[in-house]
C-alpha atoms as a PDB file:
ATOM      1  CA  MET A   1     156.876  63.785 126.297  1.00  0.00           C
ATOM      2  CA  PRO A   2     157.595  67.109 124.514  1.00  0.00           C
ATOM      3  CA  ASP A   3     159.180  69.871 126.500  1.00  0.00           C
ATOM      4  CA  ARG A   4     156.783  72.651 125.327  1.00  0.00           C
ATOM      5  CA  SER A   5     152.973  72.999 125.266  1.00  0.00           C
ATOM      6  CA  PRO A   6     151.286  72.644 121.843  1.00  0.00           C
ATOM      7  CA  ASN A   7     149.066  75.772 121.925  1.00  0.00           C
ATOM      8  CA  LEU A   8     150.872  78.525 123.845  1.00  0.00           C
ATOM      9  CA  ASP A   9     154.395  77.126 123.372  1.00  0.00           C
ATOM     10  CA  MET A  10     155.137  77.291 127.101  1.00  0.00           C
ATOM     11  CA  PRO A  11     158.072  75.290 128.532  1.00  0.00           C
ATOM     12  CA  PHE A  12     157.394  72.318 130.786  1.00  0.00           C
ATOM     13  CA  LEU A  13     159.246  71.560 133.983  1.00  0.00           C
ATOM     14  CA  ILE A  14     161.220  68.339 133.688  1.00  0.00           C
ATOM     15  CA  PRO A  15     162.287  65.931 136.478  1.00  0.00           C
ATOM     16  CA  SER A  16     165.425  66.896 138.409  1.00  0.00           C
ATOM     17  CA  GLN A  17     165.575  70.210 136.576  1.00  0.00           C
ATOM     18  CA  ALA A  18     167.785  72.841 138.131  1.00  0.00           C
ATOM     19  CA  GLN A  19     166.505  76.391 138.533  1.00  0.00           C
ATOM     20  CA  LYS A  20     162.919  75.382 137.866  1.00  0.00           C
ATOM     21  CA  HIS A  21     161.854  78.914 138.570  1.00  0.00           C
ATOM     22  CA  VAL A  22     163.417  80.048 135.279  1.00  0.00           C
ATOM     23  CA  THR A  23     161.251  77.691 133.256  1.00  0.00           C
ATOM     24  CA  HIS A  24     158.204  78.502 135.372  1.00  0.00           C
ATOM     25  CA  ASN A  25     158.709  82.245 134.949  1.00  0.00           C
ATOM     26  CA  GLU A  26     159.116  81.835 131.195  1.00  0.00           C
ATOM     27  CA  ALA A  27     155.764  80.065 131.078  1.00  0.00           C
ATOM     28  CA  LEU A  28     154.193  82.866 133.088  1.00  0.00           C
ATOM     29  CA  GLN A  29     155.613  85.394 130.613  1.00  0.00           C
ATOM     30  CA  HIS A  30     153.897  83.495 127.809  1.00  0.00           C
ATOM     31  CA  LEU A  31     150.605  83.489 129.689  1.00  0.00           C
ATOM     32  CA  ASP A  32     150.900  87.175 130.473  1.00  0.00           C
ATOM     33  CA  ALA A  33     151.533  87.919 126.804  1.00  0.00           C
ATOM     34  CA  VAL A  34     148.680  85.986 125.193  1.00  0.00           C
ATOM     35  CA  VAL A  35     145.877  85.656 127.779  1.00  0.00           C
ATOM     36  CA  GLN A  36     143.406  88.571 127.421  1.00  0.00           C
ATOM     37  CA  LEU A  37     145.588  89.604 124.485  1.00  0.00           C
ATOM     38  CA  ARG A  38     145.936  93.340 123.870  1.00  0.00           C
ATOM     39  CA  VAL A  39     148.264  94.811 121.233  1.00  0.00           C
ATOM     40  CA  GLY A  40     149.404  98.358 120.729  1.00  0.00           C
ATOM     41  CA  ALA A  41     148.687  98.102 117.021  1.00  0.00           C
ATOM     42  CA  PHE A  42     148.149  95.617 114.222  1.00  0.00           C
ATOM     43  CA  GLY A  43     150.629  95.485 111.342  1.00  0.00           C
ATOM     44  CA  ALA A  44     153.383  97.238 113.313  1.00  0.00           C
ATOM     45  CA  THR A  45     156.841  97.250 111.672  1.00  0.00           C
ATOM     46  CA  LEU A  46     158.965  99.704 113.701  1.00  0.00           C
ATOM     47  CA  PRO A  47     159.762  98.995 117.385  1.00  0.00           C
ATOM     48  CA  PRO A  48     159.015 101.813 119.831  1.00  0.00           C
ATOM     49  CA  ALA A  49     162.026 103.711 121.135  1.00  0.00           C
ATOM     50  CA  ALA A  50     161.140 103.206 124.810  1.00  0.00           C
ATOM     51  CA  PRO A  51     158.852 100.209 125.266  1.00  0.00           C
ATOM     52  CA  GLU A  52     157.236  99.543 128.620  1.00  0.00           C
ATOM     53  CA  HIS A  53     157.077  96.203 130.370  1.00  0.00           C
ATOM     54  CA  GLY A  54     154.098  94.268 128.957  1.00  0.00           C
ATOM     55  CA  ASP A  55     153.867  96.130 125.641  1.00  0.00           C
ATOM     56  CA  CYS A  56     152.785  93.839 122.802  1.00  0.00           C
ATOM     57  CA  TYR A  57     152.484  94.394 119.042  1.00  0.00           C
ATOM     58  CA  ALA A  58     151.112  92.332 116.157  1.00  0.00           C
ATOM     59  CA  LEU A  59     153.852  92.594 113.534  1.00  0.00           C
ATOM     60  CA  GLY A  60     153.151  93.202 109.878  1.00  0.00           C
ATOM     61  CA  THR A  61     155.201  92.667 106.723  1.00  0.00           C
ATOM     62  CA  GLY A  62     158.591  94.377 106.611  1.00  0.00           C
ATOM     63  CA  ALA A  63     159.318  94.495 110.348  1.00  0.00           C
ATOM     64  CA  SER A  64     162.640  96.221 111.032  1.00  0.00           C
ATOM     65  CA  GLY A  65     165.124  96.917 113.809  1.00  0.00           C
ATOM     66  CA  ASP A  66     164.804  94.517 116.729  1.00  0.00           C
ATOM     67  CA  TRP A  67     161.771  93.055 114.958  1.00  0.00           C
ATOM     68  CA  ALA A  68     163.548  92.198 111.710  1.00  0.00           C
ATOM     69  CA  GLY A  69     162.698  88.750 110.421  1.00  0.00           C
ATOM     70  CA  GLN A  70     159.697  88.370 112.731  1.00  0.00           C
ATOM     71  CA  ASP A  71     156.938  89.315 110.283  1.00  0.00           C
ATOM     72  CA  GLY A  72     153.558  88.018 111.460  1.00  0.00           C
ATOM     73  CA  SER A  73     154.728  87.353 115.042  1.00  0.00           C
ATOM     74  CA  LEU A  74     153.598  88.881 118.299  1.00  0.00           C
ATOM     75  CA  ALA A  75     156.347  91.012 119.854  1.00  0.00           C
ATOM     76  CA  TYR A  76     156.144  91.187 123.664  1.00  0.00           C
ATOM     77  CA  TRP A  77     158.494  93.367 125.734  1.00  0.00           C
ATOM     78  CA  ASP A  78     159.369  91.459 128.921  1.00  0.00           C
ATOM     79  CA  GLY A  79     161.238  94.342 130.497  1.00  0.00           C
ATOM     80  CA  THR A  80     164.655  93.446 129.129  1.00  0.00           C
ATOM     81  CA  GLY A  81     164.038  92.311 125.564  1.00  0.00           C
ATOM     82  CA  TRP A  82     161.455  91.325 122.954  1.00  0.00           C
ATOM     83  CA  LEU A  83     159.749  87.948 123.285  1.00  0.00           C
ATOM     84  CA  PHE A  84     158.356  86.735 119.936  1.00  0.00           C
ATOM     85  CA  LEU A  85     155.305  84.456 119.848  1.00  0.00           C
ATOM     86  CA  THR A  86     153.643  82.817 116.884  1.00  0.00           C
ATOM     87  CA  PRO A  87     149.840  83.359 116.877  1.00  0.00           C
ATOM     88  CA  VAL A  88     147.514  80.453 116.159  1.00  0.00           C
ATOM     89  CA  ALA A  89     144.257  80.577 114.177  1.00  0.00           C
ATOM     90  CA  GLY A  90     141.403  81.569 116.440  1.00  0.00           C
ATOM     91  CA  TRP A  91     143.391  83.845 118.781  1.00  0.00           C
ATOM     92  CA  ARG A  92     141.633  87.114 119.521  1.00  0.00           C
ATOM     93  CA  ALA A  93     143.297  90.450 120.254  1.00  0.00           C
ATOM     94  CA  TRP A  94     142.150  93.971 121.023  1.00  0.00           C
ATOM     95  CA  GLY A  95     143.958  96.623 118.993  1.00  0.00           C
ATOM     96  CA  GLN A  96     144.475  99.784 121.043  1.00  0.00           C
ATOM     97  CA  ALA A  97     145.340 101.960 118.063  1.00  0.00           C
ATOM     98  CA  GLU A  98     142.439 100.683 115.953  1.00  0.00           C
ATOM     99  CA  GLY A  99     139.907 100.426 118.793  1.00  0.00           C
ATOM    100  CA  GLU A 100     138.591  97.064 117.598  1.00  0.00           C
ATOM    101  CA  MET A 101     138.717  93.317 118.175  1.00  0.00           C
ATOM    102  CA  ARG A 102     140.357  91.103 115.574  1.00  0.00           C
ATOM    103  CA  VAL A 103     140.731  87.338 115.081  1.00  0.00           C
ATOM    104  CA  TYR A 104     143.859  85.641 113.723  1.00  0.00           C
ATOM    105  CA  ASP A 105     143.026  83.478 110.717  1.00  0.00           C
ATOM    106  CA  ASP A 106     144.910  82.312 107.649  1.00  0.00           C
ATOM    107  CA  GLY A 107     148.034  84.264 108.556  1.00  0.00           C
ATOM    108  CA  ASP A 108     146.373  87.614 109.196  1.00  0.00           C
ATOM    109  CA  TRP A 109     144.540  89.506 111.909  1.00  0.00           C
ATOM    110  CA  ARG A 110     140.993  89.940 110.552  1.00  0.00           C
ATOM    111  CA  THR A 111     138.225  92.128 111.831  1.00  0.00           C
ATOM    112  CA  GLN A 112     135.145  90.362 113.180  1.00  0.00           C
ATOM    113  CA  GLY A 113     133.071  91.413 110.188  1.00  0.00           C
ATOM    114  CA  HIS A 114     130.337  88.817 110.580  1.00  0.00           C
ATOM    115  CA  LEU A 115     128.514  86.918 113.300  1.00  0.00           C
ATOM    116  CA  GLY A 116     126.613  83.680 113.014  1.00  0.00           C
ATOM    117  CA  VAL A 117     124.300  82.560 115.811  1.00  0.00           C
ATOM    118  CA  ASN A 118     123.594  78.851 115.441  1.00  0.00           C
ATOM    119  CA  THR A 119     124.362  79.149 111.710  1.00  0.00           C
ATOM    120  CA  HIS A 120     127.098  80.284 109.320  1.00  0.00           C
ATOM    121  CA  ALA A 121     127.548  83.970 108.472  1.00  0.00           C
ATOM    122  CA  ASP A 122     129.372  85.122 105.335  1.00  0.00           C
ATOM    123  CA  THR A 123     130.577  88.325 103.675  1.00  0.00           C
ATOM    124  CA  THR A 124     127.075  89.083 102.380  1.00  0.00           C
ATOM    125  CA  ASN A 125     125.031  87.936 105.372  1.00  0.00           C
ATOM    126  CA  ARG A 126     127.380  89.242 108.042  1.00  0.00           C
ATOM    127  CA  LEU A 127     124.813  88.657 110.756  1.00  0.00           C
ATOM    128  CA  ALA A 128     122.991  85.331 110.561  1.00  0.00           C
ATOM    129  CA  VAL A 129     120.654  83.794 113.150  1.00  0.00           C
ATOM    130  CA  ALA A 130     119.068  80.342 113.109  1.00  0.00           C
ATOM    131  CA  SER A 131     116.291  80.213 115.682  1.00  0.00           C
ATOM    132  CA  ASP A 132     112.605  79.528 116.179  1.00  0.00           C
ATOM    133  CA  ALA A 133     112.133  83.229 116.947  1.00  0.00           C
ATOM    134  CA  THR A 134     114.127  86.436 117.300  1.00  0.00           C
ATOM    135  CA  LEU A 135     113.262  88.953 119.999  1.00  0.00           C
ATOM    136  CA  LEU A 136     114.140  92.652 119.926  1.00  0.00           C
ATOM    137  CA  THR A 137     112.674  94.364 122.972  1.00  0.00           C
ATOM    138  CA  HIS A 138     112.712  97.788 124.605  1.00  0.00           C
ATOM    139  CA  ASP A 139     115.140  99.069 127.183  1.00  0.00           C
ATOM    140  CA  GLY A 140     112.670 101.041 129.277  1.00  0.00           C
ATOM    141  CA  ALA A 141     110.321 102.547 126.667  1.00  0.00           C
ATOM    142  CA  GLY A 142     109.952 102.150 122.908  1.00  0.00           C
ATOM    143  CA  HIS A 143     112.061 100.280 120.373  1.00  0.00           C
ATOM    144  CA  GLN A 144     112.879 100.939 116.704  1.00  0.00           C
ATOM    145  CA  VAL A 145     114.411  98.679 114.071  1.00  0.00           C
ATOM    146  CA  LYS A 146     116.209 100.822 111.502  1.00  0.00           C
ATOM    147  CA  VAL A 147     117.196  99.730 107.980  1.00  0.00           C
ATOM    148  CA  ASN A 148     119.341 102.426 106.374  1.00  0.00           C
ATOM    149  CA  LYS A 149     120.551 102.863 102.797  1.00  0.00           C
ATOM    150  CA  SER A 150     123.179 105.124 101.260  1.00  0.00           C
ATOM    151  CA  SER A 151     121.130 106.878  98.566  1.00  0.00           C
ATOM    152  CA  SER A 152     117.668 106.996  97.028  1.00  0.00           C
ATOM    153  CA  ALA A 153     118.628 104.578  94.248  1.00  0.00           C
ATOM    154  CA  ASP A 154     119.761 101.943  96.760  1.00  0.00           C
ATOM    155  CA  THR A 155     117.526  99.447  98.568  1.00  0.00           C
ATOM    156  CA  ALA A 156     116.474  99.229 102.215  1.00  0.00           C
ATOM    157  CA  SER A 157     113.913  96.456 102.559  1.00  0.00           C
ATOM    158  CA  LEU A 158     112.784  93.254 104.219  1.00  0.00           C
ATOM    159  CA  VAL A 159     112.631  90.136 102.021  1.00  0.00           C
ATOM    160  CA  PHE A 160     110.490  87.119 102.924  1.00  0.00           C
ATOM    161  CA  GLN A 161     111.605  83.815 101.419  1.00  0.00           C
ATOM    162  CA  SER A 162     110.271  80.306 100.951  1.00  0.00           C
ATOM    163  CA  ASN A 163     113.023  77.663 100.751  1.00  0.00           C
ATOM    164  CA  TRP A 164     115.558  80.466 100.070  1.00  0.00           C
ATOM    165  CA  SER A 165     113.482  81.878  97.194  1.00  0.00           C
ATOM    166  CA  GLY A 166     111.962  85.354  97.502  1.00  0.00           C
ATOM    167  CA  ARG A 167     108.188  85.614  97.776  1.00  0.00           C
ATOM    168  CA  ALA A 168     107.582  89.107  99.191  1.00  0.00           C
ATOM    169  CA  GLU A 169     109.573  92.295  99.740  1.00  0.00           C
ATOM    170  CA  MET A 170     108.629  95.501 101.480  1.00  0.00           C
ATOM    171  CA  GLY A 171     110.542  98.709 102.020  1.00  0.00           C
ATOM    172  CA  LEU A 172     112.396 101.245  99.908  1.00  0.00           C
ATOM    173  CA  ALA A 173     113.321  99.240  96.816  1.00  0.00           C
ATOM    174  CA  GLY A 174     115.450 101.431  94.552  1.00  0.00           C
ATOM    175  CA  GLN A 175     113.454 104.556  95.420  1.00  0.00           C
ATOM    176  CA  ASP A 176     112.121 106.498  98.403  1.00  0.00           C
ATOM    177  CA  ASN A 177     108.482 105.412  97.945  1.00  0.00           C
ATOM    178  CA  TRP A 178     107.455 102.606 100.298  1.00  0.00           C
ATOM    179  CA  SER A 179     106.348  99.507  98.405  1.00  0.00           C
ATOM    180  CA  ILE A 180     105.280  95.886  98.723  1.00  0.00           C
ATOM    181  CA  LYS A 181     106.313  93.447  96.002  1.00  0.00           C
ATOM    182  CA  VAL A 182     105.269  89.805  95.646  1.00  0.00           C
ATOM    183  CA  SER A 183     106.525  86.902  93.560  1.00  0.00           C
ATOM    184  CA  PRO A 184     105.287  83.347  92.902  1.00  0.00           C
ATOM    185  CA  ASP A 185     108.746  82.003  92.019  1.00  0.00           C
ATOM    186  CA  GLY A 186     111.434  84.459  93.135  1.00  0.00           C
ATOM    187  CA  ALA A 187     112.061  85.560  89.536  1.00  0.00           C
ATOM    188  CA  GLY A 188     109.043  87.573  88.391  1.00  0.00           C
ATOM    189  CA  TRP A 189     107.867  90.314  90.764  1.00  0.00           C
ATOM    190  CA  THR A 190     104.663  92.369  90.933  1.00  0.00           C
ATOM    191  CA  GLU A 191     104.576  95.712  92.685  1.00  0.00           C
ATOM    192  CA  ALA A 192     101.357  95.241  94.623  1.00  0.00           C
ATOM    193  CA  LEU A 193     101.311  98.464  96.614  1.00  0.00           C
ATOM    194  CA  THR A 194     103.294 101.703  96.560  1.00  0.00           C
ATOM    195  CA  ILE A 195     102.864 104.668  98.900  1.00  0.00           C
ATOM    196  CA  ASP A 196     104.156 107.934  97.440  1.00  0.00           C
ATOM    197  CA  ALA A 197     106.722 109.469  99.793  1.00  0.00           C
ATOM    198  CA  THR A 198     105.479 113.005  99.086  1.00  0.00           C
ATOM    199  CA  THR A 199     101.691 112.660  98.860  1.00  0.00           C
ATOM    200  CA  GLY A 200     101.017 109.432 100.741  1.00  0.00           C
ATOM    201  CA  VAL A 201      98.754 108.316  97.869  1.00  0.00           C
ATOM    202  CA  ALA A 202      98.597 104.566  97.136  1.00  0.00           C
ATOM    203  CA  SER A 203      99.036 102.892  93.748  1.00  0.00           C
ATOM    204  CA  GLY A 204     100.053  99.499  92.361  1.00  0.00           C
ATOM    205  CA  ALA A 205      98.486  96.263  91.195  1.00  0.00           C
ATOM    206  CA  ALA A 206      96.402  95.969  94.375  1.00  0.00           C
ATOM    207  CA  VAL A 207      94.644  99.302  93.703  1.00  0.00           C
ATOM    208  CA  GLN A 208      91.983 100.192  91.126  1.00  0.00           C
ATOM    209  CA  ALA A 209      93.620 101.401  87.905  1.00  0.00           C
ATOM    210  CA  THR A 210      90.574 103.210  86.475  1.00  0.00           C
ATOM    211  CA  PRO A 211      86.993 103.972  87.579  1.00  0.00           C
ATOM    212  CA  GLN A 212      85.883 101.048  85.391  1.00  0.00           C
ATOM    213  CA  ASP A 213      88.363  98.625  87.003  1.00  0.00           C
ATOM    214  CA  THR A 214      86.340  95.990  88.889  1.00  0.00           C
ATOM    215  CA  THR A 215      89.097  93.367  89.163  1.00  0.00           C
ATOM    216  CA  PRO A 216      88.199  91.097  92.121  1.00  0.00           C
ATOM    217  CA  GLY A 217      90.365  91.667  95.179  1.00  0.00           C
ATOM    218  CA  ARG A 218      91.617  95.138  94.251  1.00  0.00           C
ATOM    219  CA  LEU A 219      91.400  98.012  96.704  1.00  0.00           C
ATOM    220  CA  MET A 220      88.912 100.743  95.800  1.00  0.00           C
ATOM    221  CA  ARG A 221      90.254 104.254  95.337  1.00  0.00           C
ATOM    222  CA  ALA A 222      88.332 106.990  97.132  1.00  0.00           C
ATOM    223  CA  ASP A 223      87.940 108.933  93.880  1.00  0.00           C
ATOM    224  CA  TYR A 224      86.787 105.850  91.942  1.00  0.00           C
ATOM    225  CA  GLY A 225      84.370 104.352  94.473  1.00  0.00           C
ATOM    226  CA  TYR A 226      81.600 105.422  96.837  1.00  0.00           C
ATOM    227  CA  GLY A 227      81.356 105.769 100.578  1.00  0.00           C
ATOM    228  CA  PRO A 228      79.766 107.960 103.249  1.00  0.00           C
ATOM    229  CA  GLY A 229      81.674 110.979 101.965  1.00  0.00           C
ATOM    230  CA  ASN A 230      80.348 110.943  98.412  1.00  0.00           C
ATOM    231  CA  ILE A 231      77.142 108.860  98.277  1.00  0.00           C
ATOM    232  CA  LEU A 232      75.103 112.032  98.709  1.00  0.00           C
ATOM    233  CA  SER A 233      77.076 114.613  96.744  1.00  0.00           C
ATOM    234  CA  THR A 234      77.078 116.576  93.518  1.00  0.00           C
ATOM    235  CA  VAL A 235      76.714 114.133  90.630  1.00  0.00           C
ATOM    236  CA  GLY A 236      78.821 114.424  87.512  1.00  0.00           C
ATOM    237  CA  GLN A 237      79.794 112.484  84.444  1.00  0.00           C
ATOM    238  CA  SER A 238      82.437 112.325  81.759  1.00  0.00           C
ATOM    239  CA  ALA A 239      81.555 110.573  78.508  1.00  0.00           C
ATOM    240  CA  GLY A 240      78.778 108.751  80.345  1.00  0.00           C
ATOM    241  CA  THR A 241      80.989 107.623  83.266  1.00  0.00           C
ATOM    242  CA  PRO A 242      79.953 108.947  86.711  1.00  0.00           C
ATOM    243  CA  THR A 243      82.518 111.294  88.246  1.00  0.00           C
ATOM    244  CA  GLY A 244      80.656 112.630  91.288  1.00  0.00           C
ATOM    245  CA  GLY A 245      78.320 111.330  93.975  1.00  0.00           C
ATOM    246  CA  VAL A 246      75.767 108.534  93.766  1.00  0.00           C
ATOM    247  CA  MET A 247      72.852 110.896  94.180  1.00  0.00           C
ATOM    248  CA  GLU A 248      72.339 114.621  94.544  1.00  0.00           C
ATOM    249  CA  ARG A 249      69.403 116.136  96.413  1.00  0.00           C
ATOM    250  CA  GLY A 250      68.566 119.819  96.019  1.00  0.00           C
ATOM    251  CA  SER A 251      65.935 122.512  95.592  1.00  0.00           C
ATOM    252  CA  ASN A 252      65.435 125.969  94.139  1.00  0.00           C
ATOM    253  CA  ALA A 253      62.576 128.376  93.430  1.00  0.00           C
ATOM    254  CA  ASN A 254      61.049 125.929  90.929  1.00  0.00           C
ATOM    255  CA  GLY A 255      60.845 122.937  93.281  1.00  0.00           C
ATOM    256  CA  GLU A 256      62.904 120.013  94.543  1.00  0.00           C
ATOM    257  CA  TYR A 257      64.876 117.365  92.704  1.00  0.00           C
ATOM    258  CA  ILE A 258      67.018 114.259  93.093  1.00  0.00           C
ATOM    259  CA  LYS A 259      69.634 113.307  90.511  1.00  0.00           C
ATOM    260  CA  PHE A 260      71.244 109.855  90.278  1.00  0.00           C
ATOM    261  CA  ALA A 261      74.681 108.907  88.978  1.00  0.00           C
ATOM    262  CA  ASP A 262      73.148 106.813  86.172  1.00  0.00           C
ATOM    263  CA  GLY A 263      71.505 109.911  84.668  1.00  0.00           C
ATOM    264  CA  THR A 264      68.019 109.517  86.143  1.00  0.00           C
ATOM    265  CA  VAL A 265      66.434 112.665  87.586  1.00  0.00           C
ATOM    266  CA  GLU A 266      63.129 113.258  89.356  1.00  0.00           C
ATOM    267  CA  CYS A 267      61.632 116.707  90.014  1.00  0.00           C
ATOM    268  CA  TRP A 268      58.575 117.676  92.049  1.00  0.00           C
ATOM    269  CA  SER A 269      56.841 120.800  93.322  1.00  0.00           C
ATOM    270  CA  ALA A 270      53.584 122.338  94.626  1.00  0.00           C
ATOM    271  CA  LEU A 271      52.163 124.434  91.777  1.00  0.00           C
ATOM    272  CA  ASN A 272      49.390 127.026  92.003  1.00  0.00           C
ATOM    273  CA  LEU A 273      47.017 126.948  89.012  1.00  0.00           C
ATOM    274  CA  THR A 274      45.176 130.229  88.495  1.00  0.00           C
ATOM    275  CA  TYR A 275      42.130 131.414  86.527  1.00  0.00           C
ATOM    276  CA  VAL A 276      42.728 131.738  82.785  1.00  0.00           C
ATOM    277  CA  ILE A 277      39.273 131.396  81.268  1.00  0.00           C
ATOM    278  CA  PRO A 278      35.973 130.177  82.762  1.00  0.00           C
ATOM    279  CA  SER A 279      36.705 126.660  81.590  1.00  0.00           C
ATOM    280  CA  LYS A 280      40.160 126.148  83.105  1.00  0.00           C
ATOM    281  CA  LEU A 281      42.818 127.011  85.618  1.00  0.00           C
ATOM    282  CA  ALA A 282      46.446 126.745  84.404  1.00  0.00           C
ATOM    283  CA  ALA A 283      50.121 127.511  85.101  1.00  0.00           C
ATOM    284  CA  LEU A 284      53.541 126.875  83.518  1.00  0.00           C
ATOM    285  CA  TRP A 285      55.974 124.854  85.625  1.00  0.00           C
ATOM    286  CA  THR A 286      59.689 125.308  84.924  1.00  0.00           C
ATOM    287  CA  TYR A 287      61.589 122.288  86.263  1.00  0.00           C
ATOM    288  CA  PRO A 288      64.228 122.838  88.936  1.00  0.00           C
ATOM    289  CA  VAL A 289      66.583 120.730  86.778  1.00  0.00           C
ATOM    290  CA  ALA A 290      66.586 120.731  82.986  1.00  0.00           C
ATOM    291  CA  LEU A 291      65.975 117.333  81.326  1.00  0.00           C
ATOM    292  CA  ILE A 292      67.280 115.820  78.128  1.00  0.00           C
ATOM    293  CA  ASN A 293      65.699 113.326  75.819  1.00  0.00           C
ATOM    294  CA  GLY A 294      66.965 109.972  76.917  1.00  0.00           C
ATOM    295  CA  VAL A 295      66.146 106.360  77.611  1.00  0.00           C
ATOM    296  CA  ILE A 296      63.534 107.275  80.221  1.00  0.00           C
ATOM    297  CA  VAL A 297      60.806 109.273  78.527  1.00  0.00           C
ATOM    298  CA  PRO A 298      59.987 112.352  80.632  1.00  0.00           C
ATOM    299  CA  ASN A 299      56.512 112.218  82.116  1.00  0.00           C
ATOM    300  CA  ALA A 300      54.506 114.522  84.379  1.00  0.00           C
ATOM    301  CA  LEU A 301      51.939 113.707  87.051  1.00  0.00           C
ATOM    302  CA  LEU A 302      49.334 116.117  88.425  1.00  0.00           C
ATOM    303  CA  ASN A 303      47.502 115.649  91.711  1.00  0.00           C
ATOM    304  CA  VAL A 304      44.965 118.205  93.024  1.00  0.00           C
ATOM    305  CA  SER A 305      45.650 118.799  96.713  1.00  0.00           C
ATOM    306  CA  SER A 306      43.404 121.831  97.459  1.00  0.00           C
ATOM    307  CA  TYR A 307      40.901 124.067  95.751  1.00  0.00           C
ATOM    308  CA  ASN A 308      39.528 127.362  96.972  1.00  0.00           C
ATOM    309  CA  ALA A 309      36.505 127.930  94.686  1.00  0.00           C
ATOM    310  CA  GLY A 310      33.982 126.924  97.319  1.00  0.00           C
ATOM    311  CA  ALA A 311      31.647 123.932  97.559  1.00  0.00           C
ATOM    312  CA  THR A 312      30.899 123.888  93.867  1.00  0.00           C
ATOM    313  CA  PRO A 313      32.397 122.494  91.840  1.00  0.00           C
ATOM    314  CA  PRO A 314      33.769 119.737  94.196  1.00  0.00           C
ATOM    315  CA  ILE A 315      37.354 118.552  93.813  1.00  0.00           C
ATOM    316  CA  ASN A 316      36.237 115.192  92.465  1.00  0.00           C
ATOM    317  CA  ASP A 317      34.643 117.051  89.561  1.00  0.00           C
ATOM    318  CA  LEU A 318      38.032 118.344  88.370  1.00  0.00           C
ATOM    319  CA  THR A 319      40.356 116.897  85.757  1.00  0.00           C
ATOM    320  CA  GLY A 320      43.995 117.921  85.515  1.00  0.00           C
ATOM    321  CA  VAL A 321      45.945 117.586  82.285  1.00  0.00           C
ATOM    322  CA  TYR A 322      49.086 118.985  80.784  1.00  0.00           C
ATOM    323  CA  ALA A 323      49.010 120.641  77.399  1.00  0.00           C
ATOM    324  CA  GLY A 324      50.781 119.047  74.454  1.00  0.00           C
ATOM    325  CA  ALA A 325      54.214 117.387  74.593  1.00  0.00           C
ATOM    326  CA  ILE A 326      56.224 117.741  77.754  1.00  0.00           C
ATOM    327  CA  ASP A 327      59.186 120.041  77.197  1.00  0.00           C
ATOM    328  CA  VAL A 328      62.650 119.242  78.558  1.00  0.00           C
ATOM    329  CA  GLY A 329      62.620 122.407  80.623  1.00  0.00           C
ATOM    330  CA  SER A 330      58.974 123.060  81.514  1.00  0.00           C
ATOM    331  CA  CYS A 331      55.404 121.845  81.303  1.00  0.00           C
ATOM    332  CA  TYR A 332      52.053 123.715  81.023  1.00  0.00           C
ATOM    333  CA  PHE A 333      49.463 122.287  83.438  1.00  0.00           C
ATOM    334  CA  GLN A 334      45.664 122.837  83.091  1.00  0.00           C
ATOM    335  CA  LEU A 335      42.685 122.009  85.315  1.00  0.00           C
ATOM    336  CA  PHE A 336      39.211 121.379  83.784  1.00  0.00           C
ATOM    337  CA  ARG A 337      35.712 120.497  84.956  1.00  0.00           C
ATOM    338  CA  ASN A 338      34.401 117.003  84.345  1.00  0.00           C
ATOM    339  CA  THR A 339      30.758 118.079  83.955  1.00  0.00           C
ATOM    340  CA  GLY A 340      31.373 121.319  82.153  1.00  0.00           C
ATOM    341  CA  ALA A 341      28.921 123.106  84.439  1.00  0.00           C
ATOM    342  CA  ALA A 342      29.492 125.967  86.833  1.00  0.00           C
ATOM    343  CA  ASP A 343      32.524 127.457  85.121  1.00  0.00           C
ATOM    344  CA  PHE A 344      35.466 128.790  87.122  1.00  0.00           C
ATOM    345  CA  LEU A 345      35.289 132.340  88.392  1.00  0.00           C
ATOM    346  CA  ALA A 346      37.995 134.969  88.231  1.00  0.00           C
ATOM    347  CA  GLY A 347      40.208 134.582  91.311  1.00  0.00           C
ATOM    348  CA  ASP A 348      39.679 130.819  91.580  1.00  0.00           C
ATOM    349  CA  GLN A 349      42.897 128.804  92.035  1.00  0.00           C
ATOM    350  CA  ALA A 350      43.972 125.278  92.902  1.00  0.00           C
ATOM    351  CA  GLN A 351      47.201 123.891  94.337  1.00  0.00           C
ATOM    352  CA  VAL A 352      48.394 120.754  92.645  1.00  0.00           C
ATOM    353  CA  ARG A 353      51.343 118.404  93.164  1.00  0.00           C
ATOM    354  CA  VAL A 354      53.405 118.019  90.012  1.00  0.00           C
ATOM    355  CA  ARG A 355      56.205 115.548  89.250  1.00  0.00           C
ATOM    356  CA  VAL A 356      58.408 114.808  86.265  1.00  0.00           C
ATOM    357  CA  LEU A 357      60.807 111.911  85.689  1.00  0.00           C
ATOM    358  CA  GLY A 358      63.534 111.948  83.070  1.00  0.00           C
ATOM    359  CA  ARG A 359      67.282 112.087  82.524  1.00  0.00           C
ATOM    360  CA  TRP A 360      69.885 114.746  83.187  1.00  0.00           C
ATOM    361  CA  PHE A 361      72.404 113.148  80.774  1.00  0.00           C
END
């Protein structure tokens, strides 16, 4: 049987040993030195001038004085002299000068720079967890998970992988705009969505690129599409492409109108026809919206709604027509008698409903 322990190098009591207390006390000194190990500093090379009982130092290269030749050892002051111990891989010590915990490995005291929970951590993935789930909860109120980066050009993001190959990434990827990227193979990436850090406006492959972009699955931009805010709004167009609302309803002194985004326009009004000559009543109607010659040929409708010339002639004896070609800005309406008898009198007038259909572009 060996006379010293394999891990802490403590002496064993042997049968019939004299002064057993000496050996026992030496073992206790070893225990006191290494259990709950605390060192004054790591890499120490110069012994303190007045050490106190229990002081311990992790010696570095080039130890001098009473520590000469003990590089890499633990130096423990037992009250009368220095006790030197050889650390073993896996020993942990708290450095008072450094304010940190270190682990002895491969001949050096190393900081605990990584932590693996049920898996292996490395110098890149310093914290690694293998688990069915990971819980981060509050301590009384809310809870934030913060991912910080050094500068705008760096990356602070979350990466989602499939069999260790990237498939999606979201965060601040090389810029300060928030983005979502996706990949089918971990090599080629598409920036699906980006939110501008200054304006909050969205862009990317998941958003309409132009007003004409109807790619299935893309998100509609507010300025390219239609909703409650712009269905009924001022219509507009640029090179034949709608730029405003779906339809515009309005009125002015010449009547009412409705304009559609495709260029169609309809105008209507109540028009008073007055006495011109005994054979007709007439009036010029200027449209509330000017028309253009287009695919839909402008047309005008006239409907007699009231007539104040008395019992004769009756309304059903009247014929309303418009004179000549319909102009893009106005139309001249006339009212005649069917029978030709009992001509109109000065002061006679009729109210008619007029309508025109055409295009505004």
